[in-house]
Each structure stands twice: as C-alpha cells, then as structure tokens.
Amino acid sequence: MYIYRNEDVLIDIWVNDSSYVIEEIMGEHTVTLNFRVIDPVEFEVNDYVEFEENVYFIRHKERIRKDQTSLGWEYSIKFYAEQYALQNVAFFCRISRTGRKITITLSGQPKRCWN
C-alpha cells in the first residue's frame, strides 16, 4: 500500500494483519494502518492513502504512534475519510424571518449545524 504526500508516493508499506477499517453509517469512517519500516519516516498532516476507491487523510499528528524495535520502526497511524474535512470549516446555520423574507446565514462549525 502506498502513502502519498502531495500526489507523490511518500512510502510503499506492507500492512500488518492488525490493520483495520471502520465504516459506520452516520458515524466513524477511518482506516488504521499498522506496519514496520527499517528507516524512520516523518509523516505529516494531509498525507493520505487510497483504499477501496476512498481517500483517507492524516488529520492529527498525535494519531501517529511510532515505536523503535529491533527490526526497525513500528507505526500505527489513523487516517480519516474526506468527510472529516467538513469539521475544519467554521459555520453556523442561522435563519431569520422578516415578514415574508427569509434570510439564511452560515457561520460556525458544521458539526454543530447538522447535529
């Protein structure tokens, strides 16, 4: 499996059997990859993988676990689906009515708006 940065292949990895995907209806949509490499790699926010026609991004540096072992470096990285990018945008839905005129303004975070 390839991990990309800005459309370039960052690293080609062999994924462990302990890696998994979570796809919940109206819920979490993530991929957690567990793998080993010989040389350490510095992963960054927005590095991504493609899996089953979906793209998953690293959203948080703290979701990267890196341990040194006798065989090199062991990583566990959580990648998030594109739907999580909505949480980066700030907006609130506000509807005001003046007579027959309805005005809709958006400001705040979408998660507050849609929940």
Protein backbone atom coordinates (compact mmCIF):
# COMPACT_ATOMS: atom_id res chain seq x y z
CA MET A 1 0.00 0.00 0.00
CA TYR A 2 1.23 3.47 -0.84
CA ILE A 3 1.17 6.52 1.41
CA TYR A 4 1.11 9.76 -0.56
CA ARG A 5 2.15 13.35 0.08
CA ASN A 6 1.02 15.98 -2.43
CA GLU A 7 0.27 13.33 -5.10
CA ASP A 8 3.78 11.85 -4.77
CA VAL A 9 4.42 8.44 -3.23
CA LEU A 10 5.98 9.00 0.19
CA ILE A 11 6.49 5.34 1.06
CA ASP A 12 5.37 1.87 -0.03
CA ILE A 13 4.42 -0.21 3.01
CA TRP A 14 3.47 -3.79 3.78
CA VAL A 15 0.45 -3.57 6.09
CA ASN A 16 0.19 -5.86 9.15
CA ASP A 17 -2.82 -8.10 9.76
CA SER A 18 -3.73 -5.91 12.74
CA SER A 19 -4.70 -3.01 10.44
CA TYR A 20 -8.43 -2.31 10.12
CA VAL A 21 -11.14 -0.14 8.58
CA ILE A 22 -14.16 1.27 10.42
CA GLU A 23 -17.16 2.31 8.31
CA GLU A 24 -20.25 3.16 10.32
CA ILE A 25 -23.45 4.56 8.87
CA MET A 26 -23.68 8.16 10.08
CA GLY A 27 -20.55 7.52 12.15
CA GLU A 28 -16.83 6.90 12.07
CA HIS A 29 -15.12 6.29 8.72
CA THR A 30 -11.42 5.63 9.34
CA VAL A 31 -8.51 3.38 8.43
CA THR A 32 -5.88 2.40 10.99
CA LEU A 33 -2.66 1.07 9.46
CA ASN A 34 -0.06 -0.87 11.43
CA PHE A 35 3.25 -1.51 9.69
CA ARG A 36 7.03 -1.71 10.11
CA VAL A 37 9.79 0.02 8.19
CA ILE A 38 13.57 -0.09 8.51
CA ASP A 39 14.20 3.67 8.37
CA PRO A 40 12.07 6.22 10.25
CA VAL A 41 9.62 8.32 8.23
CA GLU A 42 8.26 11.73 9.24
CA PHE A 43 4.56 11.72 8.43
CA GLU A 44 2.63 14.98 8.22
CA VAL A 45 -0.97 16.11 8.41
CA ASN A 46 -2.67 15.62 5.00
CA ASP A 47 -0.53 12.63 3.98
CA TYR A 48 -3.02 10.15 2.59
CA VAL A 49 -3.80 6.61 1.43
CA GLU A 50 -6.26 5.32 -1.14
CA PHE A 51 -8.29 2.27 -0.16
CA GLU A 52 -11.29 0.80 -1.99
CA GLU A 53 -11.84 3.95 -4.08
CA ASN A 54 -11.81 6.19 -0.98
CA VAL A 55 -9.13 8.61 0.15
CA TYR A 56 -8.14 8.78 3.83
CA PHE A 57 -6.03 11.58 5.34
CA ILE A 58 -3.92 12.06 8.45
CA ARG A 59 -5.74 14.78 10.40
CA HIS A 60 -3.80 14.79 13.68
CA LYS A 61 -0.10 14.28 14.33
CA GLU A 62 -0.95 12.80 17.74
CA ARG A 63 -2.74 9.90 15.99
CA ILE A 64 0.66 8.62 14.80
CA ARG A 65 2.30 6.09 17.10
CA LYS A 66 5.96 5.35 16.36
CA ASP A 67 7.98 2.75 18.29
CA GLN A 68 11.55 1.62 17.75
CA THR A 69 12.00 -2.15 17.63
CA SER A 70 14.90 -4.49 16.89
CA LEU A 71 13.52 -4.83 13.34
CA GLY A 72 13.26 -1.08 12.66
CA TRP A 73 10.33 1.23 13.33
CA GLU A 74 6.75 0.19 14.01
CA TYR A 75 3.96 2.62 13.16
CA SER A 76 0.26 2.80 13.88
CA ILE A 77 -1.45 5.63 12.01
CA LYS A 78 -5.12 6.59 11.92
CA PHE A 79 -6.36 8.00 8.61
CA TYR A 80 -9.71 9.80 8.29
CA ALA A 81 -12.15 9.87 5.34
CA GLU A 82 -12.75 13.04 3.36
CA GLN A 83 -15.99 13.72 5.24
CA TYR A 84 -13.93 14.81 8.25
CA ALA A 85 -12.64 17.81 6.29
CA LEU A 86 -16.05 19.40 6.98
CA GLN A 87 -15.03 19.71 10.61
CA ASN A 88 -12.21 22.05 9.58
CA VAL A 89 -14.68 24.61 8.21
CA ALA A 90 -16.41 27.02 10.55
CA PHE A 91 -20.09 27.89 10.03
CA PHE A 92 -23.50 28.02 11.81
CA CYS A 93 -26.88 27.90 10.15
CA ARG A 94 -28.95 30.92 11.16
CA ILE A 95 -32.36 31.53 9.71
CA SER A 96 -34.11 34.83 10.28
CA ARG A 97 -37.53 35.82 9.05
CA THR A 98 -38.57 39.41 8.31
CA GLY A 99 -42.15 39.47 7.11
CA ARG A 100 -42.21 37.25 4.03
CA LYS A 101 -38.47 37.36 3.51
CA ILE A 102 -36.31 34.51 4.88
CA THR A 103 -32.57 35.09 5.31
CA ILE A 104 -30.12 32.21 5.79
CA THR A 105 -26.60 32.95 7.03
CA LEU A 106 -23.84 30.44 7.66
CA SER A 107 -21.14 30.80 10.31
CA GLY A 108 -19.66 28.42 12.91
CA GLN A 109 -18.79 24.71 12.69
CA PRO A 110 -20.80 22.30 10.51
CA LYS A 111 -20.92 19.62 13.19
CA ARG A 112 -22.96 22.00 15.41
CA CYS A 113 -25.13 22.95 12.47
CA TRP A 114 -26.07 19.44 11.33
CA ASN A 115 -26.38 17.72 14.71
